[in-house]
Amino acid sequence: MQPTDRVHPTHHTRVHVVQSRQTRPNTATDIDPACPFCVGGRETPEPYDTKWFVNRWPALADDRCEVLLYSSQHDASLATLSIRAIRTLIDMWVERTKHHSARADVATVLIFENRGAAVGATIDHPHGQLYAFDHVPQRSQQRLRWTPQSQPDLVVDQSSEWNVAVAFASEYPVALEIWPTTAVSDLPSLSTAQLEDLARVLQRTVRALDAMYQQPLPYMMWINQRDFSSTDTSAHMNIEIVSPWRAAGVMRYIAAAEVSTGEYFTPVVPEELAATLRELFTRLD
């Protein structure tokens, strides 16, 4: 069956029916006993710092899904990579955004990471992905109207270029928003100073999150960028990081009452989470 897009007649949610993804591996060993992303592996026969390639099990057609490798080091993460290495990774994000946003069939370039088996990562090697949509998904449209929240008791870290804050209201127990002080609409529009500082901010943020439970926190991270099919550049680019953990090793499951109503019940008070993270960020200084 060829991939098809369907829109629910009542809820108006878009569903991509992609039967071929049933054959994708659930773990690295489903492909090969060795990690396919380590040097010498199936996808990376030669040494590399960062690397991208087209996804073998794409959710979208026409080479619009890519795998973005952060490092050849199997146990690395944004918390352990050097600032220079993270800057190299960000440069790859910028370059791939430029490439896909120039396509006539692309409106949204989504760069994201699923870290840890708890959020669906199937290969335990530091990597993210890129999806280039031919439309602006519903939630992405909403984020185009996003503006930085101003509650000082939710801000956990600031620099001259970037801000990090706990989200005011999120479906997830841990939810952070990261945004540039001087607004830009997409990654390629960031200044050199913003790019340099973003590497530092990402490293600090993931280190603080990992310190919260003294172990790597499973998370989902994504970058919200502008609608590239429009000339409107008023969107304020931002990054979101969310985790399903409500305590160390304890999942917060979204269940029937929430799925059925679209209203959510969180046991974590955002202001208390912010106070905890502020202290952890301070210890990084």
C-alpha atoms as a PDB file:
ATOM      1  CA  MET A   1       0.000   0.000   0.000  1.00  0.00           C
ATOM      2  CA  GLN A   2       1.347   3.407  -1.001  1.00  0.00           C
ATOM      3  CA  PRO A   3       1.657   5.986   1.794  1.00  0.00           C
ATOM      4  CA  THR A   4      -1.457   8.130   2.088  1.00  0.00           C
ATOM      5  CA  ASP A   5      -2.553  11.117   4.131  1.00  0.00           C
ATOM      6  CA  ARG A   6      -5.965  11.091   5.748  1.00  0.00           C
ATOM      7  CA  VAL A   7      -7.794  13.736   7.748  1.00  0.00           C
ATOM      8  CA  HIS A   8     -10.190  12.626  10.462  1.00  0.00           C
ATOM      9  CA  PRO A   9     -13.647  13.876   9.394  1.00  0.00           C
ATOM     10  CA  THR A  10     -14.604  14.987  12.910  1.00  0.00           C
ATOM     11  CA  HIS A  11     -11.375  15.850  14.731  1.00  0.00           C
ATOM     12  CA  HIS A  12      -9.581  17.206  11.628  1.00  0.00           C
ATOM     13  CA  THR A  13      -6.335  15.543  12.713  1.00  0.00           C
ATOM     14  CA  ARG A  14      -4.025  14.445   9.906  1.00  0.00           C
ATOM     15  CA  VAL A  15      -2.896  10.808   9.884  1.00  0.00           C
ATOM     16  CA  HIS A  16      -0.076   9.530   7.665  1.00  0.00           C
ATOM     17  CA  VAL A  17      -0.695   5.881   6.797  1.00  0.00           C
ATOM     18  CA  VAL A  18       2.791   4.473   6.106  1.00  0.00           C
ATOM     19  CA  GLN A  19       2.616   0.670   6.016  1.00  0.00           C
ATOM     20  CA  SER A  20       6.322   0.247   5.245  1.00  0.00           C
ATOM     21  CA  ARG A  21       7.232   1.485   8.735  1.00  0.00           C
ATOM     22  CA  GLN A  22       5.968  -1.811  10.143  1.00  0.00           C
ATOM     23  CA  THR A  23       9.226  -3.344   8.891  1.00  0.00           C
ATOM     24  CA  ARG A  24      11.577  -0.873  10.567  1.00  0.00           C
ATOM     25  CA  PRO A  25      13.762  -2.242  13.372  1.00  0.00           C
ATOM     26  CA  ASN A  26      12.788  -1.967  17.018  1.00  0.00           C
ATOM     27  CA  THR A  27      16.380  -2.194  18.241  1.00  0.00           C
ATOM     28  CA  ALA A  28      19.835  -1.862  16.739  1.00  0.00           C
ATOM     29  CA  THR A  29      20.313  -5.623  16.919  1.00  0.00           C
ATOM     30  CA  ASP A  30      17.326  -6.067  14.600  1.00  0.00           C
ATOM     31  CA  ILE A  31      19.608  -4.675  11.887  1.00  0.00           C
ATOM     32  CA  ASP A  32      23.041  -5.829  12.977  1.00  0.00           C
ATOM     33  CA  PRO A  33      24.663  -6.986  16.225  1.00  0.00           C
ATOM     34  CA  ALA A  34      26.851  -3.882  16.000  1.00  0.00           C
ATOM     35  CA  CYS A  35      25.494  -0.342  16.158  1.00  0.00           C
ATOM     36  CA  PRO A  36      24.804   0.848  12.577  1.00  0.00           C
ATOM     37  CA  PHE A  37      25.762   4.416  13.557  1.00  0.00           C
ATOM     38  CA  CYS A  38      29.189   3.637  15.024  1.00  0.00           C
ATOM     39  CA  VAL A  39      32.190   3.960  12.693  1.00  0.00           C
ATOM     40  CA  GLY A  40      32.326   0.874  10.492  1.00  0.00           C
ATOM     41  CA  GLY A  41      28.605   0.280  10.870  1.00  0.00           C
ATOM     42  CA  ARG A  42      26.069  -0.133   8.096  1.00  0.00           C
ATOM     43  CA  GLU A  43      25.322   3.591   7.792  1.00  0.00           C
ATOM     44  CA  THR A  44      28.759   4.942   8.719  1.00  0.00           C
ATOM     45  CA  PRO A  45      31.629   2.997   7.150  1.00  0.00           C
ATOM     46  CA  GLU A  46      34.018   5.968   7.441  1.00  0.00           C
ATOM     47  CA  PRO A  47      35.019   8.149  10.437  1.00  0.00           C
ATOM     48  CA  TYR A  48      32.860  11.237  10.983  1.00  0.00           C
ATOM     49  CA  ASP A  49      32.105  14.069  13.414  1.00  0.00           C
ATOM     50  CA  THR A  50      28.495  14.655  12.394  1.00  0.00           C
ATOM     51  CA  LYS A  51      26.660  12.989   9.535  1.00  0.00           C
ATOM     52  CA  TRP A  52      23.245  12.966   7.889  1.00  0.00           C
ATOM     53  CA  PHE A  53      21.635  10.448   5.561  1.00  0.00           C
ATOM     54  CA  VAL A  54      18.193   9.707   4.169  1.00  0.00           C
ATOM     55  CA  ASN A  55      16.084   7.532   6.476  1.00  0.00           C
ATOM     56  CA  ARG A  56      15.692   3.951   5.235  1.00  0.00           C
ATOM     57  CA  TRP A  57      12.174   3.835   6.727  1.00  0.00           C
ATOM     58  CA  PRO A  58      10.803   7.290   5.892  1.00  0.00           C
ATOM     59  CA  ALA A  59       7.515   8.586   7.261  1.00  0.00           C
ATOM     60  CA  LEU A  60       7.350  11.036   4.332  1.00  0.00           C
ATOM     61  CA  ALA A  61       8.129  10.439   0.658  1.00  0.00           C
ATOM     62  CA  ASP A  62      10.665  12.035  -1.700  1.00  0.00           C
ATOM     63  CA  ASP A  63      13.745  12.098   0.557  1.00  0.00           C
ATOM     64  CA  ARG A  64      12.062  14.335   3.118  1.00  0.00           C
ATOM     65  CA  CYS A  65      13.142  12.281   6.155  1.00  0.00           C
ATOM     66  CA  GLU A  66      16.745  12.253   7.346  1.00  0.00           C
ATOM     67  CA  VAL A  67      18.749  10.817  10.238  1.00  0.00           C
ATOM     68  CA  LEU A  68      21.132  13.329  11.847  1.00  0.00           C
ATOM     69  CA  LEU A  69      24.055  11.778  13.737  1.00  0.00           C
ATOM     70  CA  TYR A  70      25.433  13.898  16.585  1.00  0.00           C
ATOM     71  CA  SER A  71      28.744  12.099  17.038  1.00  0.00           C
ATOM     72  CA  SER A  72      30.590   8.893  16.225  1.00  0.00           C
ATOM     73  CA  GLN A  73      30.922   8.306  19.985  1.00  0.00           C
ATOM     74  CA  HIS A  74      28.247   5.759  20.932  1.00  0.00           C
ATOM     75  CA  ASP A  75      27.668   6.942  24.502  1.00  0.00           C
ATOM     76  CA  ALA A  76      27.765  10.689  23.813  1.00  0.00           C
ATOM     77  CA  SER A  77      24.893  13.110  24.354  1.00  0.00           C
ATOM     78  CA  LEU A  78      24.263  16.841  24.299  1.00  0.00           C
ATOM     79  CA  ALA A  79      25.301  16.761  27.961  1.00  0.00           C
ATOM     80  CA  THR A  80      28.716  15.224  27.270  1.00  0.00           C
ATOM     81  CA  LEU A  81      29.655  16.599  23.853  1.00  0.00           C
ATOM     82  CA  SER A  82      31.970  19.609  23.837  1.00  0.00           C
ATOM     83  CA  ILE A  83      30.544  23.012  22.971  1.00  0.00           C
ATOM     84  CA  ARG A  84      32.595  22.932  19.776  1.00  0.00           C
ATOM     85  CA  ALA A  85      31.081  19.563  18.814  1.00  0.00           C
ATOM     86  CA  ILE A  86      27.559  20.818  19.521  1.00  0.00           C
ATOM     87  CA  ARG A  87      28.233  23.904  17.400  1.00  0.00           C
ATOM     88  CA  THR A  88      29.243  21.568  14.550  1.00  0.00           C
ATOM     89  CA  LEU A  89      25.949  19.737  15.025  1.00  0.00           C
ATOM     90  CA  ILE A  90      23.991  22.999  14.966  1.00  0.00           C
ATOM     91  CA  ASP A  91      25.766  23.954  11.745  1.00  0.00           C
ATOM     92  CA  MET A  92      24.451  20.706  10.235  1.00  0.00           C
ATOM     93  CA  TRP A  93      20.929  21.598  11.407  1.00  0.00           C
ATOM     94  CA  VAL A  94      21.297  24.973   9.697  1.00  0.00           C
ATOM     95  CA  GLU A  95      22.604  23.466   6.460  1.00  0.00           C
ATOM     96  CA  ARG A  96      19.866  20.818   6.260  1.00  0.00           C
ATOM     97  CA  THR A  97      17.214  23.437   7.029  1.00  0.00           C
ATOM     98  CA  LYS A  98      18.528  25.588   4.176  1.00  0.00           C
ATOM     99  CA  HIS A  99      18.509  22.608   1.831  1.00  0.00           C
ATOM    100  CA  HIS A 100      14.948  21.528   2.519  1.00  0.00           C
ATOM    101  CA  SER A 101      13.421  24.991   2.915  1.00  0.00           C
ATOM    102  CA  ALA A 102      14.584  25.795  -0.623  1.00  0.00           C
ATOM    103  CA  ARG A 103      12.408  22.993  -2.009  1.00  0.00           C
ATOM    104  CA  ALA A 104       9.107  23.983  -3.590  1.00  0.00           C
ATOM    105  CA  ASP A 105       7.378  21.020  -1.926  1.00  0.00           C
ATOM    106  CA  VAL A 106       8.428  21.912   1.637  1.00  0.00           C
ATOM    107  CA  ALA A 107       6.668  24.241   4.073  1.00  0.00           C
ATOM    108  CA  THR A 108       7.903  22.998   7.456  1.00  0.00           C
ATOM    109  CA  VAL A 109      11.363  21.739   8.423  1.00  0.00           C
ATOM    110  CA  LEU A 110      11.135  19.901  11.729  1.00  0.00           C
ATOM    111  CA  ILE A 111      14.344  18.866  13.480  1.00  0.00           C
ATOM    112  CA  PHE A 112      13.822  16.658  16.513  1.00  0.00           C
ATOM    113  CA  GLU A 113      15.370  14.120  18.880  1.00  0.00           C
ATOM    114  CA  ASN A 114      13.894  11.186  20.783  1.00  0.00           C
ATOM    115  CA  ARG A 115      16.339  10.340  23.561  1.00  0.00           C
ATOM    116  CA  GLY A 116      15.910   7.013  25.309  1.00  0.00           C
ATOM    117  CA  ALA A 117      13.766   3.926  24.884  1.00  0.00           C
ATOM    118  CA  ALA A 118      11.047   5.479  27.062  1.00  0.00           C
ATOM    119  CA  VAL A 119      10.229   7.913  24.246  1.00  0.00           C
ATOM    120  CA  GLY A 120      10.710   5.498  21.357  1.00  0.00           C
ATOM    121  CA  ALA A 121      14.394   5.709  20.421  1.00  0.00           C
ATOM    122  CA  THR A 122      15.211   2.416  18.704  1.00  0.00           C
ATOM    123  CA  ILE A 123      18.978   2.874  18.383  1.00  0.00           C
ATOM    124  CA  ASP A 124      20.996   3.895  21.425  1.00  0.00           C
ATOM    125  CA  HIS A 125      23.421   6.205  19.642  1.00  0.00           C
ATOM    126  CA  PRO A 126      23.183  10.025  19.791  1.00  0.00           C
ATOM    127  CA  HIS A 127      21.081  11.145  16.854  1.00  0.00           C
ATOM    128  CA  GLY A 128      18.110  13.198  15.810  1.00  0.00           C
ATOM    129  CA  GLN A 129      15.924  13.335  12.743  1.00  0.00           C
ATOM    130  CA  LEU A 130      14.556  15.781  10.207  1.00  0.00           C
ATOM    131  CA  TYR A 131      11.102  15.722   8.623  1.00  0.00           C
ATOM    132  CA  ALA A 132      10.362  18.159   5.792  1.00  0.00           C
ATOM    133  CA  PHE A 133       6.584  18.542   5.489  1.00  0.00           C
ATOM    134  CA  ASP A 134       4.771  19.831   2.417  1.00  0.00           C
ATOM    135  CA  HIS A 135       2.357  21.676   4.727  1.00  0.00           C
ATOM    136  CA  VAL A 136       2.391  23.279   8.159  1.00  0.00           C
ATOM    137  CA  PRO A 137       1.077  20.750  10.711  1.00  0.00           C
ATOM    138  CA  GLN A 138      -1.662  21.909  13.067  1.00  0.00           C
ATOM    139  CA  ARG A 139       0.484  22.273  16.183  1.00  0.00           C
ATOM    140  CA  SER A 140       3.267  23.898  14.178  1.00  0.00           C
ATOM    141  CA  GLN A 141       0.739  26.496  13.017  1.00  0.00           C
ATOM    142  CA  GLN A 142      -0.086  27.235  16.637  1.00  0.00           C
ATOM    143  CA  ARG A 143       3.592  27.641  17.510  1.00  0.00           C
ATOM    144  CA  LEU A 144       3.972  30.215  14.742  1.00  0.00           C
ATOM    145  CA  ARG A 145       1.915  32.490  17.019  1.00  0.00           C
ATOM    146  CA  TRP A 146       3.965  31.652  20.126  1.00  0.00           C
ATOM    147  CA  THR A 147       5.557  34.471  22.101  1.00  0.00           C
ATOM    148  CA  PRO A 148       7.982  34.153  25.031  1.00  0.00           C
ATOM    149  CA  GLN A 149       6.252  33.856  28.390  1.00  0.00           C
ATOM    150  CA  SER A 150       7.196  36.485  30.912  1.00  0.00           C
ATOM    151  CA  GLN A 151       6.718  34.793  34.312  1.00  0.00           C
ATOM    152  CA  PRO A 152      10.081  35.296  36.071  1.00  0.00           C
ATOM    153  CA  ASP A 153       9.471  32.371  38.438  1.00  0.00           C
ATOM    154  CA  LEU A 154       9.465  29.990  35.453  1.00  0.00           C
ATOM    155  CA  VAL A 155      12.783  31.190  33.970  1.00  0.00           C
ATOM    156  CA  VAL A 156      15.615  28.804  34.858  1.00  0.00           C
ATOM    157  CA  ASP A 157      18.591  30.116  32.864  1.00  0.00           C
ATOM    158  CA  GLN A 158      19.444  33.203  30.823  1.00  0.00           C
ATOM    159  CA  SER A 159      22.322  34.580  28.812  1.00  0.00           C
ATOM    160  CA  SER A 160      22.687  37.612  26.584  1.00  0.00           C
ATOM    161  CA  GLU A 161      21.490  35.530  23.632  1.00  0.00           C
ATOM    162  CA  TRP A 162      19.147  32.809  24.959  1.00  0.00           C
ATOM    163  CA  ASN A 163      16.500  32.109  27.584  1.00  0.00           C
ATOM    164  CA  VAL A 164      15.359  28.813  29.142  1.00  0.00           C
ATOM    165  CA  ALA A 165      12.066  28.506  31.024  1.00  0.00           C
ATOM    166  CA  VAL A 166       9.656  25.873  32.263  1.00  0.00           C
ATOM    167  CA  ALA A 167       6.448  25.872  30.217  1.00  0.00           C
ATOM    168  CA  PHE A 168       3.461  27.498  31.961  1.00  0.00           C
ATOM    169  CA  ALA A 169       1.112  24.617  31.106  1.00  0.00           C
ATOM    170  CA  SER A 170       2.182  21.389  29.423  1.00  0.00           C
ATOM    171  CA  GLU A 171       0.849  17.895  28.889  1.00  0.00           C
ATOM    172  CA  TYR A 172       4.213  16.627  30.122  1.00  0.00           C
ATOM    173  CA  PRO A 173       5.580  16.741  33.688  1.00  0.00           C
ATOM    174  CA  VAL A 174       8.864  18.212  32.452  1.00  0.00           C
ATOM    175  CA  ALA A 175       8.615  20.804  29.688  1.00  0.00           C
ATOM    176  CA  LEU A 176      11.140  23.494  28.776  1.00  0.00           C
ATOM    177  CA  GLU A 177      11.082  26.278  26.205  1.00  0.00           C
ATOM    178  CA  ILE A 178      14.297  27.780  24.822  1.00  0.00           C
ATOM    179  CA  TRP A 179      14.259  30.927  22.700  1.00  0.00           C
ATOM    180  CA  PRO A 180      16.640  33.618  21.410  1.00  0.00           C
ATOM    181  CA  THR A 181      16.461  37.010  23.132  1.00  0.00           C
ATOM    182  CA  THR A 182      16.557  38.704  19.739  1.00  0.00           C
ATOM    183  CA  ALA A 183      13.788  37.073  17.752  1.00  0.00           C
ATOM    184  CA  VAL A 184      14.542  35.229  14.526  1.00  0.00           C
ATOM    185  CA  SER A 185      12.186  32.959  12.616  1.00  0.00           C
ATOM    186  CA  ASP A 186      14.461  30.036  11.732  1.00  0.00           C
ATOM    187  CA  LEU A 187      17.837  28.430  12.307  1.00  0.00           C
ATOM    188  CA  PRO A 188      19.556  29.923   9.224  1.00  0.00           C
ATOM    189  CA  SER A 189      18.672  33.422  10.481  1.00  0.00           C
ATOM    190  CA  LEU A 190      20.586  33.037  13.753  1.00  0.00           C
ATOM    191  CA  SER A 191      23.625  35.280  14.138  1.00  0.00           C
ATOM    192  CA  THR A 192      27.098  33.929  14.811  1.00  0.00           C
ATOM    193  CA  ALA A 193      26.799  34.989  18.448  1.00  0.00           C
ATOM    194  CA  GLN A 194      23.433  33.235  18.775  1.00  0.00           C
ATOM    195  CA  LEU A 195      24.782  30.057  17.198  1.00  0.00           C
ATOM    196  CA  GLU A 196      27.823  29.999  19.474  1.00  0.00           C
ATOM    197  CA  ASP A 197      25.747  30.543  22.588  1.00  0.00           C
ATOM    198  CA  LEU A 198      23.077  28.023  21.574  1.00  0.00           C
ATOM    199  CA  ALA A 199      25.710  25.278  21.736  1.00  0.00           C
ATOM    200  CA  ARG A 200      26.516  26.279  25.306  1.00  0.00           C
ATOM    201  CA  VAL A 201      22.837  26.580  26.276  1.00  0.00           C
ATOM    202  CA  LEU A 202      21.923  23.141  24.931  1.00  0.00           C
ATOM    203  CA  GLN A 203      24.829  21.538  26.769  1.00  0.00           C
ATOM    204  CA  ARG A 204      23.891  23.281  30.045  1.00  0.00           C
ATOM    205  CA  THR A 205      20.212  22.462  29.693  1.00  0.00           C
ATOM    206  CA  VAL A 206      20.667  18.739  29.143  1.00  0.00           C
ATOM    207  CA  ARG A 207      23.263  18.584  31.921  1.00  0.00           C
ATOM    208  CA  ALA A 208      20.770  20.199  34.309  1.00  0.00           C
ATOM    209  CA  LEU A 209      18.011  17.815  33.239  1.00  0.00           C
ATOM    210  CA  ASP A 210      20.278  14.802  33.729  1.00  0.00           C
ATOM    211  CA  ALA A 211      21.309  16.096  37.158  1.00  0.00           C
ATOM    212  CA  MET A 212      17.685  16.249  38.284  1.00  0.00           C
ATOM    213  CA  TYR A 213      17.498  12.474  38.776  1.00  0.00           C
ATOM    214  CA  GLN A 214      21.247  11.715  38.634  1.00  0.00           C
ATOM    215  CA  GLN A 215      20.794   9.798  35.379  1.00  0.00           C
ATOM    216  CA  PRO A 216      20.138  10.526  31.690  1.00  0.00           C
ATOM    217  CA  LEU A 217      16.605  11.872  31.355  1.00  0.00           C
ATOM    218  CA  PRO A 218      14.526  10.449  28.484  1.00  0.00           C
ATOM    219  CA  TYR A 219      13.227  13.381  26.485  1.00  0.00           C
ATOM    220  CA  MET A 220      11.798  14.605  23.221  1.00  0.00           C
ATOM    221  CA  MET A 221      13.266  17.776  21.752  1.00  0.00           C
ATOM    222  CA  TRP A 222      12.210  19.687  18.663  1.00  0.00           C
ATOM    223  CA  ILE A 223      12.854  23.010  16.961  1.00  0.00           C
ATOM    224  CA  ASN A 224       9.913  25.174  15.882  1.00  0.00           C
ATOM    225  CA  GLN A 225      10.718  27.194  12.765  1.00  0.00           C
ATOM    226  CA  ARG A 226       8.727  29.426  10.426  1.00  0.00           C
ATOM    227  CA  ASP A 227       6.473  28.512   7.518  1.00  0.00           C
ATOM    228  CA  PHE A 228       8.911  28.378   4.608  1.00  0.00           C
ATOM    229  CA  SER A 229       6.117  28.472   2.035  1.00  0.00           C
ATOM    230  CA  SER A 230       5.246  31.991   3.216  1.00  0.00           C
ATOM    231  CA  THR A 231       7.103  35.297   3.135  1.00  0.00           C
ATOM    232  CA  ASP A 232       5.991  35.956   6.717  1.00  0.00           C
ATOM    233  CA  THR A 233       9.048  35.867   8.981  1.00  0.00           C
ATOM    234  CA  SER A 234       7.355  37.116  12.154  1.00  0.00           C
ATOM    235  CA  ALA A 235       7.508  33.741  13.935  1.00  0.00           C
ATOM    236  CA  HIS A 236       9.782  33.545  17.000  1.00  0.00           C
ATOM    237  CA  MET A 237      11.893  30.419  16.555  1.00  0.00           C
ATOM    238  CA  ASN A 238      12.002  28.286  19.692  1.00  0.00           C
ATOM    239  CA  ILE A 239      13.059  24.885  20.991  1.00  0.00           C
ATOM    240  CA  GLU A 240      10.974  22.608  23.200  1.00  0.00           C
ATOM    241  CA  ILE A 241      12.223  19.783  25.408  1.00  0.00           C
ATOM    242  CA  VAL A 242       9.708  17.532  27.182  1.00  0.00           C
ATOM    243  CA  SER A 243      10.026  14.377  29.261  1.00  0.00           C
ATOM    244  CA  PRO A 244       7.392  11.833  30.329  1.00  0.00           C
ATOM    245  CA  TRP A 245       9.115  11.214  33.679  1.00  0.00           C
ATOM    246  CA  ARG A 246       7.244  12.631  36.699  1.00  0.00           C
ATOM    247  CA  ALA A 247       9.889  11.196  39.041  1.00  0.00           C
ATOM    248  CA  ALA A 248      13.084   9.195  38.589  1.00  0.00           C
ATOM    249  CA  GLY A 249      12.186   6.241  36.384  1.00  0.00           C
ATOM    250  CA  VAL A 250       8.451   6.889  36.806  1.00  0.00           C
ATOM    251  CA  MET A 251       6.466   7.444  33.610  1.00  0.00           C
ATOM    252  CA  ARG A 252       3.556   9.847  33.488  1.00  0.00           C
ATOM    253  CA  TYR A 253       1.089   8.106  31.163  1.00  0.00           C
ATOM    254  CA  ILE A 254      -1.472  10.088  29.209  1.00  0.00           C
ATOM    255  CA  ALA A 255      -4.641   8.040  29.632  1.00  0.00           C
ATOM    256  CA  ALA A 256      -8.296   7.886  28.586  1.00  0.00           C
ATOM    257  CA  ALA A 257      -9.684  10.930  30.399  1.00  0.00           C
ATOM    258  CA  GLU A 258      -6.996  13.088  28.784  1.00  0.00           C
ATOM    259  CA  VAL A 259      -6.942  11.560  25.310  1.00  0.00           C
ATOM    260  CA  SER A 260     -10.737  11.698  25.104  1.00  0.00           C
ATOM    261  CA  THR A 261     -11.086  15.304  26.231  1.00  0.00           C
ATOM    262  CA  GLY A 262      -7.868  17.018  25.210  1.00  0.00           C
ATOM    263  CA  GLU A 263      -7.491  18.235  28.809  1.00  0.00           C
ATOM    264  CA  TYR A 264      -4.562  17.136  30.952  1.00  0.00           C
ATOM    265  CA  PHE A 265      -3.798  16.492  34.611  1.00  0.00           C
ATOM    266  CA  THR A 266      -0.186  16.944  35.703  1.00  0.00           C
ATOM    267  CA  PRO A 267       1.197  16.089  39.152  1.00  0.00           C
ATOM    268  CA  VAL A 268       4.186  18.413  38.707  1.00  0.00           C
ATOM    269  CA  VAL A 269       3.875  22.099  39.662  1.00  0.00           C
ATOM    270  CA  PRO A 270       5.768  24.097  36.988  1.00  0.00           C
ATOM    271  CA  GLU A 271       7.003  26.729  39.452  1.00  0.00           C
ATOM    272  CA  GLU A 272       8.438  24.039  41.746  1.00  0.00           C
ATOM    273  CA  LEU A 273      10.140  22.335  38.809  1.00  0.00           C
ATOM    274  CA  ALA A 274      11.596  25.699  37.804  1.00  0.00           C
ATOM    275  CA  ALA A 275      13.010  26.252  41.302  1.00  0.00           C
ATOM    276  CA  THR A 276      14.670  22.829  41.206  1.00  0.00           C
ATOM    277  CA  LEU A 277      16.170  23.423  37.778  1.00  0.00           C
ATOM    278  CA  ARG A 278      17.378  26.934  38.657  1.00  0.00           C
ATOM    279  CA  GLU A 279      19.404  25.442  41.493  1.00  0.00           C
ATOM    280  CA  LEU A 280      20.820  22.766  39.183  1.00  0.00           C
ATOM    281  CA  PHE A 281      21.775  25.363  36.558  1.00  0.00           C
ATOM    282  CA  THR A 282      23.522  27.400  39.267  1.00  0.00           C
ATOM    283  CA  ARG A 283      25.673  24.409  40.156  1.00  0.00           C
ATOM    284  CA  LEU A 284      26.881  24.269  36.542  1.00  0.00           C
ATOM    285  CA  ASP A 285      28.415  27.755  36.771  1.00  0.00           C
END
